Amino acid sequence: MEPAVSAAQEGAGASLAAVFVIGFLAAAGLGSIAWYNSRRPTGWEDKERPDIVPEVDPNPHV
């Protein structure tokens, strides 16, 4: 039974690492979209939004 437990622990480590990597990428992506759609900090008011970042309506009509 030991090899099965060992294999399960190795798989759990890889799964946990994958969850962390995917979570970090999702947080960084969503944070970037939120930052680009917020008011610009001092000195950044005249900068253009990158084409890849979608524009979010601050007052959606639901």
PDB file of N, CA and C in Angstrom:
ATOM      1  N   MET A   1       0.825  -1.191   0.000  1.00  0.00           N
ATOM      2  CA  MET A   1       0.000   0.000   0.000  1.00  0.00           C
ATOM      3  C   MET A   1       0.872   1.259   0.000  1.00  0.00           C
ATOM      4  N   GLU A   2       2.100   1.142   0.398  1.00  0.00           N
ATOM      5  CA  GLU A   2       3.004   2.300   0.461  1.00  0.00           C
ATOM      6  C   GLU A   2       3.201   2.967  -0.900  1.00  0.00           C
ATOM      7  N   PRO A   3       3.423   2.227  -2.000  1.00  0.00           N
ATOM      8  CA  PRO A   3       3.621   2.905  -3.289  1.00  0.00           C
ATOM      9  C   PRO A   3       2.401   3.722  -3.716  1.00  0.00           C
ATOM     10  N   ALA A   4       1.196   3.266  -3.401  1.00  0.00           N
ATOM     11  CA  ALA A   4      -0.011   4.011  -3.772  1.00  0.00           C
ATOM     12  C   ALA A   4      -0.076   5.331  -3.018  1.00  0.00           C
ATOM     13  N   VAL A   5       0.276   5.313  -1.743  1.00  0.00           N
ATOM     14  CA  VAL A   5       0.266   6.542  -0.941  1.00  0.00           C
ATOM     15  C   VAL A   5       1.336   7.493  -1.449  1.00  0.00           C
ATOM     16  N   SER A   6       2.498   6.964  -1.772  1.00  0.00           N
ATOM     17  CA  SER A   6       3.586   7.794  -2.284  1.00  0.00           C
ATOM     18  C   SER A   6       3.198   8.447  -3.608  1.00  0.00           C
ATOM     19  N   ALA A   7       2.574   7.695  -4.495  1.00  0.00           N
ATOM     20  CA  ALA A   7       2.149   8.241  -5.787  1.00  0.00           C
ATOM     21  C   ALA A   7       1.068   9.299  -5.595  1.00  0.00           C
ATOM     22  N   ALA A   8       0.170   9.069  -4.654  1.00  0.00           N
ATOM     23  CA  ALA A   8      -0.892  10.047  -4.397  1.00  0.00           C
ATOM     24  C   ALA A   8      -0.309  11.342  -3.850  1.00  0.00           C
ATOM     25  N   GLN A   9       0.693  11.250  -2.995  1.00  0.00           N
ATOM     26  CA  GLN A   9       1.313  12.455  -2.439  1.00  0.00           C
ATOM     27  C   GLN A   9       2.053  13.235  -3.518  1.00  0.00           C
ATOM     28  N   GLU A  10       2.716  12.546  -4.431  1.00  0.00           N
ATOM     29  CA  GLU A  10       3.408  13.233  -5.525  1.00  0.00           C
ATOM     30  C   GLU A  10       2.405  13.940  -6.432  1.00  0.00           C
ATOM     31  N   GLY A  11       1.303  13.298  -6.724  1.00  0.00           N
ATOM     32  CA  GLY A  11       0.263  13.905  -7.555  1.00  0.00           C
ATOM     33  C   GLY A  11      -0.375  15.097  -6.872  1.00  0.00           C
ATOM     34  N   ALA A  12      -0.523  15.024  -5.557  1.00  0.00           N
ATOM     35  CA  ALA A  12      -1.115  16.132  -4.813  1.00  0.00           C
ATOM     36  C   ALA A  12      -0.206  17.347  -4.854  1.00  0.00           C
ATOM     37  N   GLY A  13       1.094  17.137  -4.789  1.00  0.00           N
ATOM     38  CA  GLY A  13       2.031  18.259  -4.854  1.00  0.00           C
ATOM     39  C   GLY A  13       1.981  18.965  -6.192  1.00  0.00           C
ATOM     40  N   ALA A  14       1.902  18.199  -7.261  1.00  0.00           N
ATOM     41  CA  ALA A  14       1.817  18.789  -8.598  1.00  0.00           C
ATOM     42  C   ALA A  14       0.493  19.519  -8.776  1.00  0.00           C
ATOM     43  N   SER A  15      -0.584  18.942  -8.266  1.00  0.00           N
ATOM     44  CA  SER A  15      -1.892  19.592  -8.369  1.00  0.00           C
ATOM     45  C   SER A  15      -1.919  20.895  -7.584  1.00  0.00           C
ATOM     46  N   LEU A  16      -1.340  20.887  -6.409  1.00  0.00           N
ATOM     47  CA  LEU A  16      -1.299  22.090  -5.584  1.00  0.00           C
ATOM     48  C   LEU A  16      -0.480  23.182  -6.260  1.00  0.00           C
ATOM     49  N   ALA A  17       0.629  22.814  -6.850  1.00  0.00           N
ATOM     50  CA  ALA A  17       1.454  23.791  -7.567  1.00  0.00           C
ATOM     51  C   ALA A  17       0.689  24.364  -8.755  1.00  0.00           C
ATOM     52  N   ALA A  18      -0.040  23.524  -9.473  1.00  0.00           N
ATOM     53  CA  ALA A  18      -0.830  23.994 -10.618  1.00  0.00           C
ATOM     54  C   ALA A  18      -1.919  24.962 -10.170  1.00  0.00           C
ATOM     55  N   VAL A  19      -2.566  24.665  -9.054  1.00  0.00           N
ATOM     56  CA  VAL A  19      -3.604  25.565  -8.529  1.00  0.00           C
ATOM     57  C   VAL A  19      -3.000  26.911  -8.163  1.00  0.00           C
ATOM     58  N   PHE A  20      -1.844  26.918  -7.531  1.00  0.00           N
ATOM     59  CA  PHE A  20      -1.190  28.179  -7.172  1.00  0.00           C
ATOM     60  C   PHE A  20      -0.810  28.985  -8.410  1.00  0.00           C
ATOM     61  N   VAL A  21      -0.252  28.332  -9.411  1.00  0.00           N
ATOM     62  CA  VAL A  21       0.167  29.039 -10.628  1.00  0.00           C
ATOM     63  C   VAL A  21      -1.045  29.614 -11.355  1.00  0.00           C
ATOM     64  N   ILE A  22      -2.087  28.816 -11.525  1.00  0.00           N
ATOM     65  CA  ILE A  22      -3.292  29.293 -12.215  1.00  0.00           C
ATOM     66  C   ILE A  22      -3.953  30.416 -11.417  1.00  0.00           C
ATOM     67  N   GLY A  23      -4.000  30.290 -10.108  1.00  0.00           N
ATOM     68  CA  GLY A  23      -4.576  31.338  -9.265  1.00  0.00           C
ATOM     69  C   GLY A  23      -3.797  32.632  -9.348  1.00  0.00           C
ATOM     70  N   PHE A  24      -2.474  32.531  -9.351  1.00  0.00           N
ATOM     71  CA  PHE A  24      -1.647  33.737  -9.457  1.00  0.00           C
ATOM     72  C   PHE A  24      -1.866  34.428 -10.795  1.00  0.00           C
ATOM     73  N   LEU A  25      -1.885  33.654 -11.876  1.00  0.00           N
ATOM     74  CA  LEU A  25      -2.097  34.243 -13.198  1.00  0.00           C
ATOM     75  C   LEU A  25      -3.476  34.894 -13.302  1.00  0.00           C
ATOM     76  N   ALA A  26      -4.490  34.257 -12.739  1.00  0.00           N
ATOM     77  CA  ALA A  26      -5.837  34.838 -12.764  1.00  0.00           C
ATOM     78  C   ALA A  26      -5.880  36.131 -11.954  1.00  0.00           C
ATOM     79  N   ALA A  27      -5.264  36.137 -10.779  1.00  0.00           N
ATOM     80  CA  ALA A  27      -5.256  37.342  -9.945  1.00  0.00           C
ATOM     81  C   ALA A  27      -4.494  38.473 -10.619  1.00  0.00           C
ATOM     82  N   ALA A  28      -3.371  38.159 -11.236  1.00  0.00           N
ATOM     83  CA  ALA A  28      -2.589  39.193 -11.925  1.00  0.00           C
ATOM     84  C   ALA A  28      -3.357  39.739 -13.123  1.00  0.00           C
ATOM     85  N   GLY A  29      -4.013  38.877 -13.866  1.00  0.00           N
ATOM     86  CA  GLY A  29      -4.790  39.329 -15.025  1.00  0.00           C
ATOM     87  C   GLY A  29      -5.979  40.182 -14.634  1.00  0.00           C
ATOM     88  N   LEU A  30      -6.751  39.724 -13.663  1.00  0.00           N
ATOM     89  CA  LEU A  30      -7.909  40.500 -13.216  1.00  0.00           C
ATOM     90  C   LEU A  30      -7.485  41.799 -12.540  1.00  0.00           C
ATOM     91  N   GLY A  31      -6.393  41.753 -11.798  1.00  0.00           N
ATOM     92  CA  GLY A  31      -5.881  42.976 -11.173  1.00  0.00           C
ATOM     93  C   GLY A  31      -5.427  43.989 -12.197  1.00  0.00           C
ATOM     94  N   SER A  32      -4.816  43.528 -13.269  1.00  0.00           N
ATOM     95  CA  SER A  32      -4.387  44.437 -14.336  1.00  0.00           C
ATOM     96  C   SER A  32      -5.582  45.089 -15.014  1.00  0.00           C
ATOM     97  N   ILE A  33      -6.619  44.311 -15.278  1.00  0.00           N
ATOM     98  CA  ILE A  33      -7.826  44.878 -15.884  1.00  0.00           C
ATOM     99  C   ILE A  33      -8.446  45.907 -14.948  1.00  0.00           C
ATOM    100  N   ALA A  34      -8.525  45.599 -13.671  1.00  0.00           N
ATOM    101  CA  ALA A  34      -9.096  46.544 -12.706  1.00  0.00           C
ATOM    102  C   ALA A  34      -8.258  47.809 -12.614  1.00  0.00           C
ATOM    103  N   TRP A  35      -6.948  47.668 -12.620  1.00  0.00           N
ATOM    104  CA  TRP A  35      -6.076  48.842 -12.513  1.00  0.00           C
ATOM    105  C   TRP A  35      -6.208  49.728 -13.741  1.00  0.00           C
ATOM    106  N   TYR A  36      -6.222  49.131 -14.924  1.00  0.00           N
ATOM    107  CA  TYR A  36      -6.325  49.921 -16.150  1.00  0.00           C
ATOM    108  C   TYR A  36      -7.686  50.602 -16.272  1.00  0.00           C
ATOM    109  N   ASN A  37      -8.720  50.049 -15.645  1.00  0.00           N
ATOM    110  CA  ASN A  37     -10.050  50.642 -15.723  1.00  0.00           C
ATOM    111  C   ASN A  37     -10.332  51.595 -14.570  1.00  0.00           C
ATOM    112  N   SER A  38      -9.412  51.747 -13.653  1.00  0.00           N
ATOM    113  CA  SER A  38      -9.601  52.680 -12.549  1.00  0.00           C
ATOM    114  C   SER A  38      -9.116  54.066 -12.960  1.00  0.00           C
ATOM    115  N   ARG A  39      -9.321  55.025 -12.062  1.00  0.00           N
ATOM    116  CA  ARG A  39      -8.784  56.354 -12.344  1.00  0.00           C
ATOM    117  C   ARG A  39      -7.278  56.277 -12.315  1.00  0.00           C
ATOM    118  N   ARG A  40      -6.649  57.036 -13.177  1.00  0.00           N
ATOM    119  CA  ARG A  40      -5.196  56.987 -13.298  1.00  0.00           C
ATOM    120  C   ARG A  40      -4.528  57.734 -12.152  1.00  0.00           C
ATOM    121  N   PRO A  41      -3.415  57.211 -11.655  1.00  0.00           N
ATOM    122  CA  PRO A  41      -2.642  57.923 -10.637  1.00  0.00           C
ATOM    123  C   PRO A  41      -2.018  59.190 -11.231  1.00  0.00           C
ATOM    124  N   THR A  42      -1.545  60.067 -10.382  1.00  0.00           N
ATOM    125  CA  THR A  42      -0.918  61.306 -10.827  1.00  0.00           C
ATOM    126  C   THR A  42       0.210  60.999 -11.803  1.00  0.00           C
ATOM    127  N   GLY A  43       0.182  61.664 -12.952  1.00  0.00           N
ATOM    128  CA  GLY A  43       1.190  61.452 -13.973  1.00  0.00           C
ATOM    129  C   GLY A  43       0.793  60.439 -15.027  1.00  0.00           C
ATOM    130  N   TRP A  44      -0.273  59.681 -14.792  1.00  0.00           N
ATOM    131  CA  TRP A  44      -0.704  58.653 -15.738  1.00  0.00           C
ATOM    132  C   TRP A  44      -2.024  59.023 -16.419  1.00  0.00           C
ATOM    133  N   GLU A  45      -2.550  60.223 -16.169  1.00  0.00           N
ATOM    134  CA  GLU A  45      -3.873  60.586 -16.678  1.00  0.00           C
ATOM    135  C   GLU A  45      -3.960  60.549 -18.196  1.00  0.00           C
ATOM    136  N   ASP A  46      -2.882  60.914 -18.897  1.00  0.00           N
ATOM    137  CA  ASP A  46      -2.927  61.008 -20.353  1.00  0.00           C
ATOM    138  C   ASP A  46      -2.441  59.743 -21.059  1.00  0.00           C
ATOM    139  N   LYS A  47      -2.190  58.676 -20.328  1.00  0.00           N
ATOM    140  CA  LYS A  47      -1.708  57.431 -20.938  1.00  0.00           C
ATOM    141  C   LYS A  47      -2.871  56.664 -21.563  1.00  0.00           C
ATOM    142  N   GLU A  48      -2.580  55.982 -22.642  1.00  0.00           N
ATOM    143  CA  GLU A  48      -3.595  55.203 -23.350  1.00  0.00           C
ATOM    144  C   GLU A  48      -3.754  53.817 -22.730  1.00  0.00           C
ATOM    145  N   ARG A  49      -4.967  53.296 -22.810  1.00  0.00           N
ATOM    146  CA  ARG A  49      -5.255  51.943 -22.345  1.00  0.00           C
ATOM    147  C   ARG A  49      -4.747  50.961 -23.405  1.00  0.00           C
ATOM    148  N   PRO A  50      -4.063  49.886 -23.016  1.00  0.00           N
ATOM    149  CA  PRO A  50      -3.630  48.889 -24.001  1.00  0.00           C
ATOM    150  C   PRO A  50      -4.841  48.259 -24.701  1.00  0.00           C
ATOM    151  N   ASP A  51      -4.670  47.872 -25.948  1.00  0.00           N
ATOM    152  CA  ASP A  51      -5.772  47.300 -26.723  1.00  0.00           C
ATOM    153  C   ASP A  51      -6.283  45.986 -26.144  1.00  0.00           C
ATOM    154  N   ILE A  52      -5.428  45.263 -25.443  1.00  0.00           N
ATOM    155  CA  ILE A  52      -5.813  43.949 -24.926  1.00  0.00           C
ATOM    156  C   ILE A  52      -6.728  44.050 -23.701  1.00  0.00           C
ATOM    157  N   VAL A  53      -6.743  45.208 -23.031  1.00  0.00           N
ATOM    158  CA  VAL A  53      -7.530  45.383 -21.810  1.00  0.00           C
ATOM    159  C   VAL A  53      -8.941  45.840 -22.187  1.00  0.00           C
ATOM    160  N   PRO A  54      -9.975  45.079 -21.804  1.00  0.00           N
ATOM    161  CA  PRO A  54     -11.342  45.483 -22.145  1.00  0.00           C
ATOM    162  C   PRO A  54     -11.793  46.673 -21.302  1.00  0.00           C
ATOM    163  N   GLU A  55     -12.667  47.504 -21.876  1.00  0.00           N
ATOM    164  CA  GLU A  55     -13.204  48.634 -21.128  1.00  0.00           C
ATOM    165  C   GLU A  55     -14.406  48.142 -20.327  1.00  0.00           C
ATOM    166  N   VAL A  56     -14.447  48.496 -19.047  1.00  0.00           N
ATOM    167  CA  VAL A  56     -15.516  48.069 -18.158  1.00  0.00           C
ATOM    168  C   VAL A  56     -16.367  49.279 -17.820  1.00  0.00           C
ATOM    169  N   ASP A  57     -17.693  49.154 -17.985  1.00  0.00           N
ATOM    170  CA  ASP A  57     -18.606  50.251 -17.674  1.00  0.00           C
ATOM    171  C   ASP A  57     -18.764  50.339 -16.157  1.00  0.00           C
ATOM    172  N   PRO A  58     -18.421  51.499 -15.537  1.00  0.00           N
ATOM    173  CA  PRO A  58     -18.506  51.610 -14.079  1.00  0.00           C
ATOM    174  C   PRO A  58     -19.940  51.625 -13.565  1.00  0.00           C
ATOM    175  N   ASN A  59     -20.913  51.990 -14.409  1.00  0.00           N
ATOM    176  CA  ASN A  59     -22.324  52.035 -14.007  1.00  0.00           C
ATOM    177  C   ASN A  59     -23.165  51.195 -14.964  1.00  0.00           C
ATOM    178  N   PRO A  60     -23.078  49.883 -14.842  1.00  0.00           N
ATOM    179  CA  PRO A  60     -23.855  49.048 -15.769  1.00  0.00           C
ATOM    180  C   PRO A  60     -25.354  49.178 -15.496  1.00  0.00           C
ATOM    181  N   HIS A  61     -26.132  49.196 -16.554  1.00  0.00           N
ATOM    182  CA  HIS A  61     -27.591  49.272 -16.425  1.00  0.00           C
ATOM    183  C   HIS A  61     -28.132  47.851 -16.406  1.00  0.00           C
ATOM    184  N   VAL A  62     -28.395  47.365 -15.220  1.00  0.00           N
ATOM    185  CA  VAL A  62     -28.818  45.970 -15.062  1.00  0.00           C
ATOM    186  C   VAL A  62     -30.301  45.840 -15.199  1.00  0.00           C
TER     187      VAL A  62
END
